[in-house]
């Protein structure tokens, strides 16, 4: 230890390596912490920026909002965003009556976005159902046909793929919707495949878990890989039990030589979101956690 005021010694090789390692770990941590926020924003932009109000009404019936229905919708959405479970029940009962009589305003979009980033799946389900109504998409075969057509329009595709997932999640022809979304998983455009992944994660059936795991593992695009991990971890509508199925694969892939460093980082973040624990890149610790929790 040098005396106070003495000439500082030059850092040796070991100290330089330590500094570089510290900086690298710090940067990696920043990337991991930003992952959920970035993907939540991407998820929201992917459909909000392409809502029917911004794309000539391709989504469904919007004959014009009435002040009373619009006021009812935004009042209930405000309560929903605050975590009011009674508002969720009221929205699930009333929202079909909003279709064609309400619209997606800036306030309504903000309230829906707040709710979609909560953990309670019932609140989020009510937000999905409200969004369908606000965008004029009926919860029936007609609404499905309109969305399937809208998905063929590149300007409305991101919105339509996500809304197909919302429609399927709310109980409309889930098998048919999963087949439609699967058809976009081999699209040459990575953004389209990413949109299909988010749509499948929103339908959130058991079958879609394996579909998203396959996209995470085998898709050549980092964007699609990230979308799959994010949907399985937090952004999708999966139950905890379904997320635990995904967790088994994420744990198993951490030490696999074919898993890229970026995929390993996303797997760690997904496991953190699923488990609520921070075990870093310690594969043995994650294996112990999964063995206890499964």
C-alpha atoms as a PDB file:
ATOM      1  CA  UNK A   1       0.000   0.000   0.000  1.00  0.00           C
ATOM      2  CA  UNK A   2       1.605   3.299  -1.082  1.00  0.00           C
ATOM      3  CA  UNK A   3       2.008   6.231   1.286  1.00  0.00           C
ATOM      4  CA  UNK A   4      -0.318   9.224   1.006  1.00  0.00           C
ATOM      5  CA  UNK A   5       0.946  11.602  -1.667  1.00  0.00           C
ATOM      6  CA  UNK A   6       3.326   9.042  -3.157  1.00  0.00           C
ATOM      7  CA  UNK A   7       3.580   8.583  -6.913  1.00  0.00           C
ATOM      8  CA  UNK A   8       0.819   6.155  -7.921  1.00  0.00           C
ATOM      9  CA  UNK A   9       2.039   2.909  -9.355  1.00  0.00           C
ATOM     10  CA  UNK A  10       1.118   1.954 -12.911  1.00  0.00           C
ATOM     11  CA  UNK A  11      -1.591  -0.662 -13.194  1.00  0.00           C
ATOM     12  CA  UNK A  12      -0.194  -4.081 -13.972  1.00  0.00           C
ATOM     13  CA  UNK A  13      -1.679  -6.537 -16.454  1.00  0.00           C
ATOM     14  CA  UNK A  14      -3.901  -8.208 -13.843  1.00  0.00           C
ATOM     15  CA  UNK A  15      -5.387  -4.882 -12.786  1.00  0.00           C
ATOM     16  CA  UNK A  16      -6.005  -3.867 -16.401  1.00  0.00           C
ATOM     17  CA  UNK A  17      -7.771  -7.154 -17.048  1.00  0.00           C
ATOM     18  CA  UNK A  18      -9.907  -6.630 -13.947  1.00  0.00           C
ATOM     19  CA  UNK A  19     -10.895  -3.139 -15.071  1.00  0.00           C
ATOM     20  CA  UNK A  20     -11.843  -4.383 -18.546  1.00  0.00           C
ATOM     21  CA  UNK A  21     -13.848  -7.246 -17.048  1.00  0.00           C
ATOM     22  CA  UNK A  22     -15.657  -4.852 -14.716  1.00  0.00           C
ATOM     23  CA  UNK A  23     -16.565  -2.546 -17.596  1.00  0.00           C
ATOM     24  CA  UNK A  24     -17.716  -5.459 -19.761  1.00  0.00           C
ATOM     25  CA  UNK A  25     -19.899  -6.857 -16.996  1.00  0.00           C
ATOM     26  CA  UNK A  26     -21.339  -3.426 -16.334  1.00  0.00           C
ATOM     27  CA  UNK A  27     -22.251  -2.954 -19.981  1.00  0.00           C
ATOM     28  CA  UNK A  28     -23.809  -6.419 -20.135  1.00  0.00           C
ATOM     29  CA  UNK A  29     -25.850  -5.654 -17.018  1.00  0.00           C
ATOM     30  CA  UNK A  30     -27.136  -2.440 -18.568  1.00  0.00           C
ATOM     31  CA  UNK A  31     -28.218  -4.359 -21.665  1.00  0.00           C
ATOM     32  CA  UNK A  32     -30.002  -6.966 -19.582  1.00  0.00           C
ATOM     33  CA  UNK A  33     -31.796  -4.408 -17.425  1.00  0.00           C
ATOM     34  CA  UNK A  34     -32.924  -2.530 -20.529  1.00  0.00           C
ATOM     35  CA  UNK A  35     -34.212  -5.674 -22.261  1.00  0.00           C
ATOM     36  CA  UNK A  36     -37.701  -5.843 -20.748  1.00  0.00           C
ATOM     37  CA  UNK A  37     -38.327  -2.118 -21.142  1.00  0.00           C
ATOM     38  CA  UNK A  38     -37.124  -2.059 -24.754  1.00  0.00           C
ATOM     39  CA  UNK A  39     -39.233  -5.036 -25.714  1.00  0.00           C
ATOM     40  CA  UNK A  40     -42.269  -3.745 -23.900  1.00  0.00           C
ATOM     41  CA  UNK A  41     -41.944  -0.541 -25.905  1.00  0.00           C
ATOM     42  CA  UNK A  42     -41.440  -2.491 -29.128  1.00  0.00           C
ATOM     43  CA  UNK A  43     -44.481  -4.628 -28.385  1.00  0.00           C
ATOM     44  CA  UNK A  44     -46.605  -1.536 -27.857  1.00  0.00           C
ATOM     45  CA  UNK A  45     -45.266   0.299 -30.905  1.00  0.00           C
ATOM     46  CA  UNK A  46     -45.798  -2.724 -33.129  1.00  0.00           C
ATOM     47  CA  UNK A  47     -49.548  -2.489 -32.801  1.00  0.00           C
ATOM     48  CA  UNK A  48     -50.258   1.037 -31.561  1.00  0.00           C
ATOM     49  CA  UNK A  49     -48.387   2.702 -34.410  1.00  0.00           C
ATOM     50  CA  UNK A  50     -50.424   0.678 -36.888  1.00  0.00           C
ATOM     51  CA  UNK A  51     -53.861   0.881 -35.277  1.00  0.00           C
ATOM     52  CA  UNK A  52     -56.867   1.304 -37.560  1.00  0.00           C
ATOM     53  CA  UNK A  53     -57.115   4.963 -36.588  1.00  0.00           C
ATOM     54  CA  UNK A  54     -53.723   5.410 -38.265  1.00  0.00           C
ATOM     55  CA  UNK A  55     -54.334   3.106 -41.225  1.00  0.00           C
ATOM     56  CA  UNK A  56     -57.650   4.132 -42.784  1.00  0.00           C
ATOM     57  CA  UNK A  57     -59.851   1.898 -40.668  1.00  0.00           C
ATOM     58  CA  UNK A  58     -58.707  -1.395 -42.128  1.00  0.00           C
ATOM     59  CA  UNK A  59     -59.247  -3.157 -38.839  1.00  0.00           C
ATOM     60  CA  UNK A  60     -63.011  -3.233 -38.437  1.00  0.00           C
ATOM     61  CA  UNK A  61     -66.276  -1.400 -37.930  1.00  0.00           C
ATOM     62  CA  UNK A  62     -65.828   2.167 -36.687  1.00  0.00           C
ATOM     63  CA  UNK A  63     -68.946   4.105 -37.561  1.00  0.00           C
ATOM     64  CA  UNK A  64     -68.086   6.863 -35.147  1.00  0.00           C
ATOM     65  CA  UNK A  65     -67.576   7.113 -31.404  1.00  0.00           C
ATOM     66  CA  UNK A  66     -70.422   8.238 -29.179  1.00  0.00           C
ATOM     67  CA  UNK A  67     -69.585  10.491 -26.258  1.00  0.00           C
ATOM     68  CA  UNK A  68     -71.340   8.271 -23.703  1.00  0.00           C
ATOM     69  CA  UNK A  69     -69.665   5.028 -24.798  1.00  0.00           C
ATOM     70  CA  UNK A  70     -66.265   6.685 -25.176  1.00  0.00           C
ATOM     71  CA  UNK A  71     -66.586   8.196 -21.718  1.00  0.00           C
ATOM     72  CA  UNK A  72     -67.597   4.849 -20.227  1.00  0.00           C
ATOM     73  CA  UNK A  73     -64.676   3.101 -21.918  1.00  0.00           C
ATOM     74  CA  UNK A  74     -62.042   5.588 -20.790  1.00  0.00           C
ATOM     75  CA  UNK A  75     -63.435   5.708 -17.237  1.00  0.00           C
ATOM     76  CA  UNK A  76     -63.251   1.926 -16.925  1.00  0.00           C
ATOM     77  CA  UNK A  77     -59.808   1.819 -18.539  1.00  0.00           C
ATOM     78  CA  UNK A  78     -58.573   4.382 -16.022  1.00  0.00           C
ATOM     79  CA  UNK A  79     -59.761   2.183 -13.186  1.00  0.00           C
ATOM     80  CA  UNK A  80     -58.263  -0.874 -14.893  1.00  0.00           C
ATOM     81  CA  UNK A  81     -54.867   0.793 -15.228  1.00  0.00           C
ATOM     82  CA  UNK A  82     -54.926   1.462 -11.484  1.00  0.00           C
ATOM     83  CA  UNK A  83     -55.350  -2.279 -10.832  1.00  0.00           C
ATOM     84  CA  UNK A  84     -59.105  -2.336 -10.142  1.00  0.00           C
ATOM     85  CA  UNK A  85     -60.260  -5.946 -10.630  1.00  0.00           C
ATOM     86  CA  UNK A  86     -63.924  -4.891 -10.611  1.00  0.00           C
ATOM     87  CA  UNK A  87     -63.208  -2.692 -13.623  1.00  0.00           C
ATOM     88  CA  UNK A  88     -61.847  -5.780 -15.395  1.00  0.00           C
ATOM     89  CA  UNK A  89     -65.153  -7.573 -14.824  1.00  0.00           C
ATOM     90  CA  UNK A  90     -67.126  -4.586 -16.093  1.00  0.00           C
ATOM     91  CA  UNK A  91     -64.962  -4.264 -19.207  1.00  0.00           C
ATOM     92  CA  UNK A  92     -65.288  -7.968 -20.005  1.00  0.00           C
ATOM     93  CA  UNK A  93     -69.053  -7.567 -19.804  1.00  0.00           C
ATOM     94  CA  UNK A  94     -69.444  -4.221 -21.572  1.00  0.00           C
ATOM     95  CA  UNK A  95     -66.665  -3.988 -24.150  1.00  0.00           C
ATOM     96  CA  UNK A  96     -68.417  -5.837 -26.983  1.00  0.00           C
ATOM     97  CA  UNK A  97     -70.926  -2.997 -26.927  1.00  0.00           C
ATOM     98  CA  UNK A  98     -68.123  -0.497 -27.557  1.00  0.00           C
ATOM     99  CA  UNK A  99     -67.263  -1.959 -30.975  1.00  0.00           C
ATOM    100  CA  UNK A 100     -67.981   0.662 -33.612  1.00  0.00           C
ATOM    101  CA  UNK A 101     -69.021   3.165 -30.927  1.00  0.00           C
ATOM    102  CA  UNK A 102     -65.610   3.969 -29.447  1.00  0.00           C
ATOM    103  CA  UNK A 103     -62.167   4.697 -30.839  1.00  0.00           C
ATOM    104  CA  UNK A 104     -58.529   4.518 -29.816  1.00  0.00           C
ATOM    105  CA  UNK A 105     -57.687   7.942 -28.418  1.00  0.00           C
ATOM    106  CA  UNK A 106     -54.279   8.918 -27.033  1.00  0.00           C
ATOM    107  CA  UNK A 107     -55.700   8.632 -23.517  1.00  0.00           C
ATOM    108  CA  UNK A 108     -57.225   5.208 -24.152  1.00  0.00           C
ATOM    109  CA  UNK A 109     -53.971   3.932 -25.686  1.00  0.00           C
ATOM    110  CA  UNK A 110     -51.947   5.145 -22.721  1.00  0.00           C
ATOM    111  CA  UNK A 111     -54.279   3.455 -20.239  1.00  0.00           C
ATOM    112  CA  UNK A 112     -54.238   0.183 -22.201  1.00  0.00           C
ATOM    113  CA  UNK A 113     -50.433   0.264 -22.379  1.00  0.00           C
ATOM    114  CA  UNK A 114     -50.140   0.754 -18.625  1.00  0.00           C
ATOM    115  CA  UNK A 115     -52.385  -2.247 -18.015  1.00  0.00           C
ATOM    116  CA  UNK A 116     -50.583  -4.476 -20.511  1.00  0.00           C
ATOM    117  CA  UNK A 117     -47.372  -3.975 -18.547  1.00  0.00           C
ATOM    118  CA  UNK A 118     -48.933  -5.222 -15.314  1.00  0.00           C
ATOM    119  CA  UNK A 119     -48.468  -8.799 -14.140  1.00  0.00           C
ATOM    120  CA  UNK A 120     -52.124  -9.670 -13.506  1.00  0.00           C
ATOM    121  CA  UNK A 121     -53.286 -11.663 -16.540  1.00  0.00           C
ATOM    122  CA  UNK A 122     -56.956 -10.945 -15.863  1.00  0.00           C
ATOM    123  CA  UNK A 123     -56.346  -7.208 -16.006  1.00  0.00           C
ATOM    124  CA  UNK A 124     -54.290  -7.641 -19.158  1.00  0.00           C
ATOM    125  CA  UNK A 125     -56.977  -9.825 -20.716  1.00  0.00           C
ATOM    126  CA  UNK A 126     -59.543  -7.098 -20.109  1.00  0.00           C
ATOM    127  CA  UNK A 127     -57.159  -4.605 -21.751  1.00  0.00           C
ATOM    128  CA  UNK A 128     -56.869  -6.876 -24.799  1.00  0.00           C
ATOM    129  CA  UNK A 129     -60.628  -7.148 -25.084  1.00  0.00           C
ATOM    130  CA  UNK A 130     -61.011  -3.391 -24.723  1.00  0.00           C
ATOM    131  CA  UNK A 131     -58.403  -2.833 -27.442  1.00  0.00           C
ATOM    132  CA  UNK A 132     -60.295  -5.040 -29.876  1.00  0.00           C
ATOM    133  CA  UNK A 133     -63.431  -2.989 -29.287  1.00  0.00           C
ATOM    134  CA  UNK A 134     -61.646   0.369 -29.486  1.00  0.00           C
ATOM    135  CA  UNK A 135     -60.130  -0.625 -32.825  1.00  0.00           C
ATOM    136  CA  UNK A 136     -63.477  -1.811 -34.161  1.00  0.00           C
ATOM    137  CA  UNK A 137     -62.659  -5.534 -34.274  1.00  0.00           C
ATOM    138  CA  UNK A 138     -65.631  -7.705 -33.340  1.00  0.00           C
ATOM    139  CA  UNK A 139     -65.007 -10.886 -31.371  1.00  0.00           C
ATOM    140  CA  UNK A 140     -66.353 -13.241 -34.024  1.00  0.00           C
ATOM    141  CA  UNK A 141     -65.592 -14.667 -37.447  1.00  0.00           C
ATOM    142  CA  UNK A 142     -66.115 -11.290 -39.079  1.00  0.00           C
ATOM    143  CA  UNK A 143     -63.448  -9.744 -36.886  1.00  0.00           C
ATOM    144  CA  UNK A 144     -61.092 -12.617 -37.704  1.00  0.00           C
ATOM    145  CA  UNK A 145     -61.660 -12.182 -41.443  1.00  0.00           C
ATOM    146  CA  UNK A 146     -60.955  -8.459 -41.226  1.00  0.00           C
ATOM    147  CA  UNK A 147     -57.700  -9.023 -39.361  1.00  0.00           C
ATOM    148  CA  UNK A 148     -56.596 -11.784 -41.725  1.00  0.00           C
ATOM    149  CA  UNK A 149     -57.116  -9.389 -44.623  1.00  0.00           C
ATOM    150  CA  UNK A 150     -55.377  -6.532 -42.803  1.00  0.00           C
ATOM    151  CA  UNK A 151     -52.325  -8.734 -42.252  1.00  0.00           C
ATOM    152  CA  UNK A 152     -51.790  -8.864 -46.012  1.00  0.00           C
ATOM    153  CA  UNK A 153     -51.251  -5.084 -46.012  1.00  0.00           C
ATOM    154  CA  UNK A 154     -47.603  -4.322 -45.115  1.00  0.00           C
ATOM    155  CA  UNK A 155     -48.673  -0.998 -43.565  1.00  0.00           C
ATOM    156  CA  UNK A 156     -51.104  -2.684 -41.171  1.00  0.00           C
ATOM    157  CA  UNK A 157     -49.393  -6.050 -40.721  1.00  0.00           C
ATOM    158  CA  UNK A 158     -47.686  -5.449 -37.358  1.00  0.00           C
ATOM    159  CA  UNK A 159     -50.960  -4.267 -35.836  1.00  0.00           C
ATOM    160  CA  UNK A 160     -52.981  -7.066 -37.441  1.00  0.00           C
ATOM    161  CA  UNK A 161     -50.663  -9.864 -36.284  1.00  0.00           C
ATOM    162  CA  UNK A 162     -50.741  -8.622 -32.697  1.00  0.00           C
ATOM    163  CA  UNK A 163     -54.516  -8.144 -32.809  1.00  0.00           C
ATOM    164  CA  UNK A 164     -54.972 -11.652 -34.190  1.00  0.00           C
ATOM    165  CA  UNK A 165     -53.206 -12.824 -31.061  1.00  0.00           C
ATOM    166  CA  UNK A 166     -55.510 -10.689 -28.922  1.00  0.00           C
ATOM    167  CA  UNK A 167     -58.575 -12.104 -30.668  1.00  0.00           C
ATOM    168  CA  UNK A 168     -57.342 -15.649 -30.161  1.00  0.00           C
ATOM    169  CA  UNK A 169     -56.565 -14.964 -26.512  1.00  0.00           C
ATOM    170  CA  UNK A 170     -60.143 -13.792 -26.021  1.00  0.00           C
ATOM    171  CA  UNK A 171     -61.455 -17.151 -27.220  1.00  0.00           C
ATOM    172  CA  UNK A 172     -62.146 -16.634 -30.922  1.00  0.00           C
ATOM    173  CA  UNK A 173     -61.100 -19.575 -33.131  1.00  0.00           C
ATOM    174  CA  UNK A 174     -57.746 -20.078 -31.423  1.00  0.00           C
ATOM    175  CA  UNK A 175     -56.632 -22.993 -33.601  1.00  0.00           C
ATOM    176  CA  UNK A 176     -57.391 -21.085 -36.787  1.00  0.00           C
ATOM    177  CA  UNK A 177     -55.564 -17.989 -35.546  1.00  0.00           C
ATOM    178  CA  UNK A 178     -52.502 -20.001 -34.524  1.00  0.00           C
ATOM    179  CA  UNK A 179     -52.386 -21.486 -38.039  1.00  0.00           C
ATOM    180  CA  UNK A 180     -52.600 -18.017 -39.604  1.00  0.00           C
ATOM    181  CA  UNK A 181     -49.785 -16.699 -37.419  1.00  0.00           C
ATOM    182  CA  UNK A 182     -47.644 -19.790 -38.033  1.00  0.00           C
ATOM    183  CA  UNK A 183     -47.853 -18.987 -41.722  1.00  0.00           C
ATOM    184  CA  UNK A 184     -45.869 -15.797 -41.106  1.00  0.00           C
ATOM    185  CA  UNK A 185     -43.041 -17.495 -39.173  1.00  0.00           C
ATOM    186  CA  UNK A 186     -41.181 -18.266 -42.402  1.00  0.00           C
ATOM    187  CA  UNK A 187     -41.647 -14.820 -43.929  1.00  0.00           C
ATOM    188  CA  UNK A 188     -38.385 -13.393 -45.357  1.00  0.00           C
ATOM    189  CA  UNK A 189     -38.852 -10.209 -43.328  1.00  0.00           C
ATOM    190  CA  UNK A 190     -37.611 -10.563 -39.734  1.00  0.00           C
ATOM    191  CA  UNK A 191     -39.997  -7.839 -38.533  1.00  0.00           C
ATOM    192  CA  UNK A 192     -42.938  -9.832 -39.851  1.00  0.00           C
ATOM    193  CA  UNK A 193     -41.679 -12.994 -38.140  1.00  0.00           C
ATOM    194  CA  UNK A 194     -41.234 -10.991 -34.946  1.00  0.00           C
ATOM    195  CA  UNK A 195     -44.819  -9.733 -35.233  1.00  0.00           C
ATOM    196  CA  UNK A 196     -46.070 -13.286 -35.674  1.00  0.00           C
ATOM    197  CA  UNK A 197     -44.106 -14.335 -32.592  1.00  0.00           C
ATOM    198  CA  UNK A 198     -45.701 -11.596 -30.496  1.00  0.00           C
ATOM    199  CA  UNK A 199     -49.111 -12.595 -31.844  1.00  0.00           C
ATOM    200  CA  UNK A 200     -48.540 -16.231 -30.883  1.00  0.00           C
ATOM    201  CA  UNK A 201     -47.325 -15.178 -27.449  1.00  0.00           C
ATOM    202  CA  UNK A 202     -50.549 -13.220 -27.007  1.00  0.00           C
ATOM    203  CA  UNK A 203     -52.731 -16.197 -27.979  1.00  0.00           C
ATOM    204  CA  UNK A 204     -50.692 -18.095 -25.365  1.00  0.00           C
ATOM    205  CA  UNK A 205     -51.911 -21.656 -25.898  1.00  0.00           C
ATOM    206  CA  UNK A 206     -49.768 -24.599 -24.878  1.00  0.00           C
ATOM    207  CA  UNK A 207     -48.857 -25.264 -28.521  1.00  0.00           C
ATOM    208  CA  UNK A 208     -47.443 -21.779 -28.953  1.00  0.00           C
ATOM    209  CA  UNK A 209     -44.892 -22.312 -26.172  1.00  0.00           C
ATOM    210  CA  UNK A 210     -43.041 -24.866 -28.296  1.00  0.00           C
ATOM    211  CA  UNK A 211     -43.401 -22.677 -31.390  1.00  0.00           C
ATOM    212  CA  UNK A 212     -41.732 -19.739 -29.641  1.00  0.00           C
ATOM    213  CA  UNK A 213     -39.002 -21.927 -28.167  1.00  0.00           C
ATOM    214  CA  UNK A 214     -38.241 -23.118 -31.691  1.00  0.00           C
ATOM    215  CA  UNK A 215     -38.051 -19.517 -32.944  1.00  0.00           C
ATOM    216  CA  UNK A 216     -35.711 -18.602 -30.095  1.00  0.00           C
ATOM    217  CA  UNK A 217     -33.485 -21.559 -30.822  1.00  0.00           C
ATOM    218  CA  UNK A 218     -33.444 -21.703 -34.621  1.00  0.00           C
ATOM    219  CA  UNK A 219     -34.433 -18.359 -36.172  1.00  0.00           C
ATOM    220  CA  UNK A 220     -31.442 -16.610 -37.737  1.00  0.00           C
ATOM    221  CA  UNK A 221     -32.621 -13.146 -36.703  1.00  0.00           C
ATOM    222  CA  UNK A 222     -31.617 -11.790 -33.256  1.00  0.00           C
ATOM    223  CA  UNK A 223     -34.796  -9.671 -33.383  1.00  0.00           C
ATOM    224  CA  UNK A 224     -36.980 -12.768 -33.650  1.00  0.00           C
ATOM    225  CA  UNK A 225     -34.967 -14.626 -31.012  1.00  0.00           C
ATOM    226  CA  UNK A 226     -35.389 -11.689 -28.650  1.00  0.00           C
ATOM    227  CA  UNK A 227     -39.114 -11.416 -29.381  1.00  0.00           C
ATOM    228  CA  UNK A 228     -39.590 -15.097 -28.566  1.00  0.00           C
ATOM    229  CA  UNK A 229     -37.678 -14.899 -25.292  1.00  0.00           C
ATOM    230  CA  UNK A 230     -39.493 -11.735 -24.283  1.00  0.00           C
ATOM    231  CA  UNK A 231     -42.924 -13.198 -25.055  1.00  0.00           C
ATOM    232  CA  UNK A 232     -42.196 -16.373 -23.101  1.00  0.00           C
ATOM    233  CA  UNK A 233     -40.816 -14.429 -20.163  1.00  0.00           C
ATOM    234  CA  UNK A 234     -43.090 -11.445 -19.677  1.00  0.00           C
ATOM    235  CA  UNK A 235     -44.610  -9.812 -22.750  1.00  0.00           C
ATOM    236  CA  UNK A 236     -46.937 -12.673 -23.690  1.00  0.00           C
ATOM    237  CA  UNK A 237     -50.099 -13.837 -21.967  1.00  0.00           C
ATOM    238  CA  UNK A 238     -48.728 -17.099 -20.616  1.00  0.00           C
ATOM    239  CA  UNK A 239     -49.555 -18.489 -17.198  1.00  0.00           C
ATOM    240  CA  UNK A 240     -46.740 -19.167 -14.756  1.00  0.00           C
ATOM    241  CA  UNK A 241     -47.086 -22.887 -15.455  1.00  0.00           C
ATOM    242  CA  UNK A 242     -46.622 -22.328 -19.178  1.00  0.00           C
ATOM    243  CA  UNK A 243     -43.616 -20.081 -18.547  1.00  0.00           C
ATOM    244  CA  UNK A 244     -42.073 -22.824 -16.434  1.00  0.00           C
ATOM    245  CA  UNK A 245     -42.214 -25.126 -19.469  1.00  0.00           C
ATOM    246  CA  UNK A 246     -40.152 -22.539 -21.314  1.00  0.00           C
ATOM    247  CA  UNK A 247     -37.835 -22.159 -18.314  1.00  0.00           C
ATOM    248  CA  UNK A 248     -36.824 -25.819 -18.588  1.00  0.00           C
ATOM    249  CA  UNK A 249     -35.489 -25.174 -22.091  1.00  0.00           C
ATOM    250  CA  UNK A 250     -33.798 -21.906 -21.168  1.00  0.00           C
ATOM    251  CA  UNK A 251     -31.954 -23.626 -18.304  1.00  0.00           C
ATOM    252  CA  UNK A 252     -30.953 -26.542 -20.528  1.00  0.00           C
ATOM    253  CA  UNK A 253     -29.597 -24.277 -23.259  1.00  0.00           C
ATOM    254  CA  UNK A 254     -27.380 -22.123 -21.045  1.00  0.00           C
ATOM    255  CA  UNK A 255     -24.442 -24.532 -21.221  1.00  0.00           C
ATOM    256  CA  UNK A 256     -25.074 -25.669 -24.778  1.00  0.00           C
ATOM    257  CA  UNK A 257     -22.203 -24.891 -27.141  1.00  0.00           C
ATOM    258  CA  UNK A 258     -24.661 -24.066 -29.927  1.00  0.00           C
ATOM    259  CA  UNK A 259     -26.287 -21.296 -27.883  1.00  0.00           C
ATOM    260  CA  UNK A 260     -24.831 -17.901 -28.809  1.00  0.00           C
ATOM    261  CA  UNK A 261     -23.654 -15.481 -26.101  1.00  0.00           C
ATOM    262  CA  UNK A 262     -26.590 -13.190 -26.936  1.00  0.00           C
ATOM    263  CA  UNK A 263     -29.068 -16.052 -26.655  1.00  0.00           C
ATOM    264  CA  UNK A 264     -27.560 -16.965 -23.284  1.00  0.00           C
ATOM    265  CA  UNK A 265     -28.006 -13.388 -22.095  1.00  0.00           C
ATOM    266  CA  UNK A 266     -31.654 -13.416 -23.202  1.00  0.00           C
ATOM    267  CA  UNK A 267     -32.169 -16.809 -21.552  1.00  0.00           C
ATOM    268  CA  UNK A 268     -30.824 -15.433 -18.271  1.00  0.00           C
ATOM    269  CA  UNK A 269     -33.103 -12.405 -18.467  1.00  0.00           C
ATOM    270  CA  UNK A 270     -36.103 -14.601 -19.306  1.00  0.00           C
ATOM    271  CA  UNK A 271     -35.346 -16.802 -16.300  1.00  0.00           C
ATOM    272  CA  UNK A 272     -35.069 -13.714 -14.086  1.00  0.00           C
ATOM    273  CA  UNK A 273     -38.489 -12.524 -15.239  1.00  0.00           C
ATOM    274  CA  UNK A 274     -40.078 -15.949 -14.803  1.00  0.00           C
ATOM    275  CA  UNK A 275     -38.526 -16.702 -11.434  1.00  0.00           C
ATOM    276  CA  UNK A 276     -38.238 -13.271  -9.866  1.00  0.00           C
ATOM    277  CA  UNK A 277     -34.655 -14.239  -8.916  1.00  0.00           C
ATOM    278  CA  UNK A 278     -31.266 -13.006 -10.009  1.00  0.00           C
ATOM    279  CA  UNK A 279     -28.911 -15.952 -10.290  1.00  0.00           C
ATOM    280  CA  UNK A 280     -26.797 -14.456 -13.044  1.00  0.00           C
ATOM    281  CA  UNK A 281     -25.137 -16.894 -15.415  1.00  0.00           C
ATOM    282  CA  UNK A 282     -24.732 -19.618 -12.770  1.00  0.00           C
ATOM    283  CA  UNK A 283     -26.162 -22.599 -14.627  1.00  0.00           C
ATOM    284  CA  UNK A 284     -25.982 -24.900 -11.600  1.00  0.00           C
ATOM    285  CA  UNK A 285     -27.955 -22.406  -9.505  1.00  0.00           C
ATOM    286  CA  UNK A 286     -30.649 -22.154 -12.195  1.00  0.00           C
ATOM    287  CA  UNK A 287     -30.819 -25.942 -12.440  1.00  0.00           C
ATOM    288  CA  UNK A 288     -31.289 -26.173  -8.671  1.00  0.00           C
ATOM    289  CA  UNK A 289     -33.994 -23.505  -8.795  1.00  0.00           C
ATOM    290  CA  UNK A 290     -35.873 -25.298 -11.558  1.00  0.00           C
ATOM    291  CA  UNK A 291     -35.628 -28.667  -9.781  1.00  0.00           C
ATOM    292  CA  UNK A 292     -37.172 -27.107  -6.658  1.00  0.00           C
ATOM    293  CA  UNK A 293     -39.916 -25.197  -8.441  1.00  0.00           C
ATOM    294  CA  UNK A 294     -41.155 -27.582 -11.131  1.00  0.00           C
END
